[in-house]
Amino acid sequence: MGNSNAEVAALKEEQDQFRKLVDTFEKEADNNRLSEVKPFFTQGRIEAPGKRKKRAIFKVDFLLNPDLYLPEAVKNEPTS
């Protein structure tokens, strides 16, 4: 029992139509997905850790104030 030429042609036609429908569906799904998905990282979520780090660094003025860590002998050394 072999397939007739007409059946083969009909199956090929259906296969081509099916491929086109799948391609159209995938393109439409991609377009909708890209426009409706909210990003996981918002600008605020990206900037917040950096701001916290900057505040922590600038709060620590230990290195900027030599009176806190240099011995008196070094601070009062005469300059030549």
Protein backbone atom coordinates (compact mmCIF):
# COMPACT_ATOMS: atom_id res chain seq x y z
CA MET A 1 0.00 0.00 0.00
CA GLY A 2 1.85 2.99 -1.21
CA ASN A 3 0.83 6.59 -1.04
CA SER A 4 -0.48 8.15 -4.20
CA ASN A 5 1.16 11.23 -5.66
CA ALA A 6 -1.89 13.28 -4.72
CA GLU A 7 -1.64 12.20 -1.07
CA VAL A 8 2.07 13.00 -0.95
CA ALA A 9 1.47 16.43 -2.48
CA ALA A 10 -1.38 17.11 -0.03
CA LEU A 11 0.77 16.09 2.96
CA LYS A 12 3.63 18.32 1.77
CA GLU A 13 1.20 21.22 1.38
CA GLU A 14 -0.16 20.67 4.89
CA GLN A 15 3.38 20.42 6.25
CA ASP A 16 4.34 23.74 4.62
CA GLN A 17 1.22 25.42 5.99
CA PHE A 18 1.90 24.00 9.44
CA ARG A 19 5.51 25.30 9.38
CA LYS A 20 4.29 28.76 8.39
CA LEU A 21 1.73 28.74 11.19
CA VAL A 22 4.36 27.67 13.73
CA ASP A 23 6.77 30.38 12.52
CA THR A 24 4.03 33.01 12.76
CA PHE A 25 3.06 31.81 16.25
CA GLU A 26 6.68 31.86 17.46
CA LYS A 27 7.28 35.37 16.10
CA GLU A 28 4.09 36.67 17.70
CA ALA A 29 4.96 34.97 21.01
CA ASP A 30 8.45 36.50 20.94
CA ASN A 31 7.08 39.97 20.19
CA ASN A 32 4.54 39.75 23.00
CA ARG A 33 7.07 38.28 25.41
CA LEU A 34 9.57 41.07 24.80
CA SER A 35 7.01 43.80 25.34
CA GLU A 36 5.30 42.37 28.42
CA VAL A 37 8.12 40.90 30.51
CA LYS A 38 9.27 43.16 33.30
CA PRO A 39 13.01 43.15 33.88
CA PHE A 40 14.17 41.34 37.00
CA PHE A 41 16.62 44.10 37.86
CA THR A 42 15.11 47.55 37.91
CA GLN A 43 17.30 50.63 37.87
CA GLY A 44 16.71 51.06 41.60
CA ARG A 45 17.77 47.50 42.39
CA ILE A 46 20.97 48.04 40.45
CA GLU A 47 21.81 51.41 41.99
CA ALA A 48 20.88 50.65 45.62
CA PRO A 49 23.89 48.44 46.49
CA GLY A 50 26.28 50.98 44.96
CA LYS A 51 24.73 53.80 46.97
CA ARG A 52 24.97 51.75 50.18
CA LYS A 53 28.64 51.05 49.49
CA LYS A 54 29.37 54.72 48.83
CA ARG A 55 27.66 55.78 52.04
CA ALA A 56 29.62 53.17 54.00
CA ILE A 57 32.91 54.25 52.46
CA PHE A 58 32.35 57.97 52.99
CA LYS A 59 31.09 57.48 56.54
CA VAL A 60 34.42 55.99 57.42
CA ASP A 61 36.62 59.04 57.62
CA PHE A 62 39.20 57.22 59.67
CA LEU A 63 41.85 57.42 56.97
CA LEU A 64 40.98 61.04 56.25
CA ASN A 65 41.62 62.08 59.84
CA PRO A 66 45.28 61.32 60.72
CA ASP A 67 44.70 62.47 64.31
CA LEU A 68 42.82 59.23 64.83
CA TYR A 69 45.61 56.85 63.85
CA LEU A 70 49.01 58.59 63.73
CA PRO A 71 51.06 58.73 66.93
CA GLU A 72 51.73 62.15 68.40
CA ALA A 73 55.46 61.82 67.68
CA VAL A 74 54.83 61.52 63.96
CA LYS A 75 52.27 64.30 63.82
CA ASN A 76 54.51 66.81 65.65
CA GLU A 77 57.66 66.09 63.67
CA PRO A 78 59.30 69.28 62.52
CA THR A 79 59.49 69.68 58.78
CA SER A 80 62.91 70.41 57.34
